[in-house]
Amino acid sequence: MKSRWRGMLLAALLFTAAPCADGGEAGSSEVPRIGVLSYNIHHGEGVDGKLDLERIAGVIKSVNPDVVALQEVDQGTQRTDRVDQPAELARLTGMNVVFGGNIRYQGGDYGNVVLSRLPIKRHKNHLLPLFDDGEQRGVLEVEVEMPKQGGTLLLLATHLDHRPGDRERLASAAAINKLVTARASQPAVLAGDLNDLPGSKTLCLFGTVWTRANEKVLPTVPVNQPNKQIDFILFRPAERWKAIDVRVLDEAVASDHRAIFAVLELLPNNATKAD
């Protein structure tokens, strides 16, 4: 009898320790999540007047993002000592980098950057509409490979016109919307300094295609006492994403903007799920 009970106990222990029937690791069925950071870095110059890319990199690394959209980045300009800022930020953060130069400036270039821990599949920089002798703006399109067999993510990083009139911003929003409407099913994220407010015509136009990660306003400027949100993370299609966490980082020296960070969860595509 004792031998029989010992055998049953051993069998129970072996059953408990055995792997799952599908052979997967713990958590392997979880849906993919990504951390997205958007940050206008003011060419690395803080409100204290110091150029300090290590400080910028420290802000980025503080939340360990998967993808980062940076605005106002210099590459080889005189004012930033001819430093290749995209390459240096990639080195300091240990991330892959893509630079989209929109303006030739002081012997170098000025534009947007995407940093990514995820593999970069392709990238292309698009110049946006330019009106009335303003600054040339652009949107940097980067396709990355999502974790946990999540397919590919289309990340758009941009910085729109800052002037009071919204004519150029609206034209840029229309151009960005058009860029993604042909890919209705592909998960996409738009991040950047949109230089307009949540209730503006610009954000309303974006809202016809995109969903803001944060429903409640999260001010990002002025950096010392923020009272306006002009930096945003948006996603599409709405039914594929869930915002797990969205916050503005508590750092008020490294740049003249605060960074905004979101953790986004990519939900299953019900249209392609097996019956």
Protein backbone atom coordinates (compact mmCIF):
# COMPACT_ATOMS: atom_id res chain seq x y z
CA MET A 1 0.00 0.00 0.00
CA LYS A 2 2.80 2.41 0.93
CA SER A 3 4.53 1.57 -2.35
CA ARG A 4 1.32 2.37 -4.26
CA TRP A 5 0.94 5.82 -2.59
CA ARG A 6 4.61 6.60 -3.23
CA GLY A 7 4.06 5.81 -6.92
CA MET A 8 0.99 8.05 -7.12
CA LEU A 9 2.81 10.90 -5.40
CA LEU A 10 5.75 10.60 -7.78
CA ALA A 11 3.41 10.65 -10.78
CA ALA A 12 1.69 13.79 -9.45
CA LEU A 13 5.01 15.55 -8.97
CA LEU A 14 6.15 14.63 -12.47
CA PHE A 15 2.85 15.93 -13.92
CA THR A 16 3.19 19.23 -12.02
CA ALA A 17 6.76 19.79 -13.22
CA ALA A 18 6.06 18.90 -16.84
CA PRO A 19 5.99 21.66 -19.48
CA CYS A 20 2.72 22.90 -20.98
CA ALA A 21 1.18 20.65 -23.59
CA ASP A 22 1.83 23.22 -26.37
CA GLY A 23 5.54 23.33 -25.52
CA GLY A 24 5.54 27.12 -25.14
CA GLU A 25 7.47 29.05 -22.56
CA ALA A 26 5.66 30.89 -19.77
CA GLY A 27 4.24 34.12 -21.11
CA SER A 28 4.83 33.20 -24.76
CA SER A 29 1.12 33.70 -25.52
CA GLU A 30 1.21 37.28 -24.28
CA VAL A 31 0.43 39.96 -26.84
CA PRO A 32 3.38 42.17 -27.87
CA ARG A 33 4.01 45.46 -26.10
CA ILE A 34 6.26 48.34 -27.07
CA GLY A 35 7.51 51.38 -25.23
CA VAL A 36 7.39 54.54 -27.38
CA LEU A 37 9.16 57.78 -26.45
CA SER A 38 8.83 61.13 -28.22
CA TYR A 39 11.27 63.89 -27.32
CA ASN A 40 12.13 67.28 -28.81
CA ILE A 41 15.79 67.50 -27.73
CA HIS A 42 16.52 71.12 -28.82
CA HIS A 43 19.76 69.95 -30.54
CA GLY A 44 20.98 68.67 -27.18
CA GLU A 45 21.00 72.11 -25.54
CA GLY A 46 19.32 72.29 -22.15
CA VAL A 47 17.62 75.24 -20.52
CA ASP A 48 20.89 75.78 -18.65
CA GLY A 49 22.60 76.55 -21.98
CA LYS A 50 24.75 73.39 -21.93
CA LEU A 51 25.12 71.01 -24.86
CA ASP A 52 24.94 67.58 -23.30
CA LEU A 53 23.96 64.52 -25.35
CA GLU A 54 24.80 62.20 -22.45
CA ARG A 55 22.08 63.93 -20.47
CA ILE A 56 19.63 63.44 -23.35
CA ALA A 57 20.63 59.78 -23.56
CA GLY A 58 20.04 59.45 -19.83
CA VAL A 59 16.47 60.70 -20.23
CA ILE A 60 15.88 58.18 -23.01
CA LYS A 61 17.37 55.25 -21.10
CA SER A 62 15.40 56.09 -17.95
CA VAL A 63 12.31 54.41 -19.41
CA ASN A 64 14.04 51.78 -21.58
CA PRO A 65 11.90 52.41 -24.68
CA ASP A 66 11.73 50.13 -27.70
CA VAL A 67 11.40 52.96 -30.21
CA VAL A 68 12.16 56.67 -29.90
CA ALA A 69 11.15 59.65 -32.05
CA LEU A 70 13.48 62.63 -31.61
CA GLN A 71 13.03 66.12 -33.02
CA GLU A 72 15.49 69.00 -33.54
CA VAL A 73 18.55 66.83 -34.05
CA ASP A 74 21.76 68.17 -35.63
CA GLN A 75 24.19 66.26 -37.80
CA GLY A 76 27.54 67.94 -38.33
CA THR A 77 26.42 71.55 -37.72
CA GLN A 78 28.64 74.34 -36.45
CA ARG A 79 26.50 75.15 -33.42
CA THR A 80 26.87 71.61 -32.07
CA ASP A 81 30.62 71.28 -32.74
CA ARG A 82 30.18 69.22 -35.93
CA VAL A 83 29.05 66.22 -33.89
CA ASP A 84 27.03 63.55 -35.68
CA GLN A 85 24.27 63.61 -33.07
CA PRO A 86 22.25 60.69 -34.49
CA ALA A 87 25.32 58.43 -34.42
CA GLU A 88 26.35 59.62 -30.96
CA LEU A 89 22.88 59.08 -29.50
CA ALA A 90 22.82 55.60 -31.02
CA ARG A 91 26.15 54.87 -29.34
CA LEU A 92 25.07 56.25 -25.98
CA THR A 93 21.78 54.35 -25.93
CA GLY A 94 22.89 51.17 -27.70
CA MET A 95 20.05 51.48 -30.21
CA ASN A 96 19.73 51.34 -33.99
CA VAL A 97 19.36 54.75 -35.63
CA VAL A 98 17.79 56.38 -38.68
CA PHE A 99 18.18 60.10 -39.45
CA GLY A 100 15.85 62.16 -41.62
CA GLY A 101 17.49 65.44 -42.57
CA ASN A 102 15.09 68.18 -43.64
CA ILE A 103 17.24 71.32 -43.60
CA ARG A 104 20.83 72.05 -44.57
CA TYR A 105 22.14 74.16 -41.69
CA GLN A 106 25.57 75.57 -40.74
CA GLY A 107 27.45 73.09 -42.87
CA GLY A 108 25.41 70.10 -41.70
CA ASP A 109 21.85 68.83 -41.48
CA TYR A 110 18.90 69.22 -39.13
CA GLY A 111 15.88 66.98 -38.75
CA ASN A 112 14.27 64.00 -37.05
CA VAL A 113 15.70 60.76 -35.68
CA VAL A 114 14.30 57.34 -34.88
CA LEU A 115 16.13 55.12 -32.40
CA SER A 116 15.04 51.50 -32.15
CA ARG A 117 15.88 48.41 -30.15
CA LEU A 118 13.75 46.48 -32.61
CA PRO A 119 15.15 45.42 -36.00
CA ILE A 120 14.66 48.11 -38.66
CA LYS A 121 13.26 46.65 -41.89
CA ARG A 122 13.18 49.80 -44.02
CA HIS A 123 13.01 53.58 -43.74
CA LYS A 124 12.27 56.63 -45.84
CA ASN A 125 12.17 60.36 -45.16
CA HIS A 126 9.32 62.40 -46.68
CA LEU A 127 9.40 66.18 -46.99
CA LEU A 128 6.13 67.82 -45.94
CA PRO A 129 4.32 70.78 -47.53
CA LEU A 130 6.16 74.10 -47.14
CA PHE A 131 4.37 77.45 -47.16
CA ASP A 132 5.43 81.10 -46.84
CA ASP A 133 9.20 80.66 -46.45
CA GLY A 134 8.93 78.56 -43.31
CA GLU A 135 11.26 75.78 -42.20
CA GLN A 136 11.20 72.63 -44.29
CA ARG A 137 9.53 69.90 -42.24
CA GLY A 138 9.49 66.17 -42.75
CA VAL A 139 8.12 62.87 -41.54
CA LEU A 140 10.49 59.96 -41.07
CA GLU A 141 8.87 56.62 -41.94
CA VAL A 142 10.47 53.60 -40.29
CA GLU A 143 9.23 50.02 -40.36
CA VAL A 144 10.37 47.83 -37.47
CA GLU A 145 9.86 44.21 -36.51
CA MET A 146 7.59 43.81 -33.49
CA PRO A 147 8.42 41.35 -30.69
CA LYS A 148 6.58 38.05 -30.07
CA GLN A 149 5.62 37.51 -33.70
CA GLY A 150 3.70 40.78 -33.75
CA GLY A 151 4.53 41.42 -37.41
CA THR A 152 5.80 44.83 -38.45
CA LEU A 153 5.09 48.26 -37.03
CA LEU A 154 5.06 51.44 -39.08
CA LEU A 155 6.52 54.29 -37.00
CA LEU A 156 6.20 57.86 -38.25
CA ALA A 157 8.31 60.53 -36.53
CA THR A 158 7.64 64.18 -37.26
CA HIS A 159 7.93 67.82 -36.17
CA LEU A 160 5.38 70.26 -37.57
CA ASP A 161 5.44 74.01 -38.22
CA HIS A 162 5.47 76.21 -35.12
CA ARG A 163 3.99 79.45 -36.52
CA PRO A 164 0.62 80.81 -35.30
CA GLY A 165 -1.26 80.13 -38.55
CA ASP A 166 -2.22 76.47 -39.00
CA ARG A 167 -2.25 76.32 -42.82
CA GLU A 168 1.00 74.40 -43.08
CA ARG A 169 0.25 72.12 -40.11
CA LEU A 170 -3.08 71.15 -41.65
CA ALA A 171 -1.43 70.41 -44.99
CA SER A 172 1.19 68.32 -43.22
CA ALA A 173 -1.44 66.41 -41.25
CA ALA A 174 -3.30 65.66 -44.49
CA ALA A 175 -0.07 64.43 -46.12
CA ILE A 176 0.74 62.16 -43.16
CA ASN A 177 -2.80 60.78 -43.10
CA LYS A 178 -2.58 60.03 -46.82
CA LEU A 179 0.72 58.24 -46.28
CA VAL A 180 -0.91 55.58 -44.10
CA THR A 181 -4.44 55.26 -45.46
CA ALA A 182 -3.27 52.82 -48.14
CA ARG A 183 -2.09 50.52 -45.31
CA ALA A 184 -5.29 50.40 -43.32
CA SER A 185 -4.52 47.11 -41.60
CA GLN A 186 -0.89 47.71 -40.68
CA PRO A 187 -0.32 48.74 -37.03
CA ALA A 188 1.16 52.25 -37.00
CA VAL A 189 2.34 54.81 -34.47
CA LEU A 190 2.83 58.53 -35.06
CA ALA A 191 5.04 60.39 -32.59
CA GLY A 192 6.43 63.89 -32.48
CA ASP A 193 6.13 67.58 -31.78
CA LEU A 194 2.93 68.57 -33.55
CA ASN A 195 3.10 72.20 -32.38
CA ASP A 196 -0.64 72.35 -31.77
CA LEU A 197 -3.10 71.63 -28.97
CA PRO A 198 -5.44 68.66 -28.41
CA GLY A 199 -8.54 70.62 -29.45
CA SER A 200 -6.93 72.26 -32.50
CA LYS A 201 -7.90 71.75 -36.13
CA THR A 202 -4.58 69.97 -36.63
CA LEU A 203 -5.28 67.33 -33.97
CA CYS A 204 -8.88 67.01 -35.13
CA LEU A 205 -7.64 66.25 -38.65
CA PHE A 206 -5.20 63.68 -37.30
CA GLY A 207 -8.11 62.29 -35.28
CA THR A 208 -9.89 61.20 -38.45
CA VAL A 209 -7.19 58.56 -38.90
CA TRP A 210 -5.30 58.32 -35.60
CA THR A 211 -6.14 57.87 -31.91
CA ARG A 212 -4.26 59.74 -29.19
CA ALA A 213 -2.55 57.47 -26.69
CA ASN A 214 -3.64 59.76 -23.84
CA GLU A 215 -7.24 60.92 -23.55
CA LYS A 216 -6.45 63.29 -20.69
CA VAL A 217 -4.20 66.22 -21.62
CA LEU A 218 -0.57 65.73 -20.52
CA PRO A 219 1.30 69.06 -20.78
CA THR A 220 4.83 68.98 -22.21
CA VAL A 221 5.69 72.71 -22.47
CA PRO A 222 6.99 75.04 -21.16
CA VAL A 223 9.47 72.65 -19.65
CA ASN A 224 9.74 74.22 -16.18
CA GLN A 225 5.97 74.36 -15.55
CA PRO A 226 4.14 72.61 -18.40
CA ASN A 227 0.61 73.79 -19.13
CA LYS A 228 0.19 72.81 -22.82
CA GLN A 229 0.53 69.55 -24.68
CA ILE A 230 2.08 69.84 -28.12
CA ASP A 231 4.04 66.56 -28.11
CA PHE A 232 1.99 63.44 -28.88
CA ILE A 233 1.97 59.71 -29.46
CA LEU A 234 -0.88 58.47 -31.65
CA PHE A 235 -1.76 55.04 -33.02
CA ARG A 236 -3.89 53.28 -35.63
CA PRO A 237 -6.01 51.31 -36.25
CA ALA A 238 -7.75 52.06 -32.97
CA GLU A 239 -9.03 48.54 -32.41
CA ARG A 240 -5.55 47.02 -32.57
CA TRP A 241 -4.00 49.04 -29.75
CA LYS A 242 -4.42 49.43 -26.02
CA ALA A 243 -2.57 52.16 -24.11
CA ILE A 244 -1.20 50.57 -20.94
CA ASP A 245 0.66 53.62 -19.63
CA VAL A 246 1.16 57.16 -20.92
CA ARG A 247 3.11 59.78 -19.03
CA VAL A 248 5.29 62.87 -19.36
CA LEU A 249 8.76 62.41 -17.91
CA ASP A 250 9.75 64.48 -14.92
CA GLU A 251 12.89 66.08 -16.39
CA ALA A 252 13.04 69.84 -16.85
CA VAL A 253 16.64 70.74 -17.74
CA ALA A 254 17.98 68.63 -20.62
CA SER A 255 15.74 70.28 -23.28
CA ASP A 256 13.05 72.92 -23.65
CA HIS A 257 10.40 70.18 -23.98
CA ARG A 258 9.51 67.32 -21.69
CA ALA A 259 9.49 63.85 -23.19
CA ILE A 260 6.28 61.85 -23.50
CA PHE A 261 6.32 58.06 -23.07
CA ALA A 262 3.70 55.40 -23.79
CA VAL A 263 3.52 51.65 -23.33
CA LEU A 264 1.26 50.26 -26.05
CA GLU A 265 -0.15 46.76 -26.38
CA LEU A 266 -0.83 45.33 -29.83
CA LEU A 267 -4.06 43.34 -29.77
CA PRO A 268 -4.80 40.35 -32.03
CA ASN A 269 -6.15 41.06 -35.46
CA ASN A 270 -9.57 39.41 -35.25
CA ALA A 271 -10.02 39.68 -38.99
CA THR A 272 -7.16 37.27 -39.58
CA LYS A 273 -7.68 34.93 -36.62
CA ALA A 274 -8.53 31.32 -37.36
CA ASP A 275 -12.13 30.22 -36.70
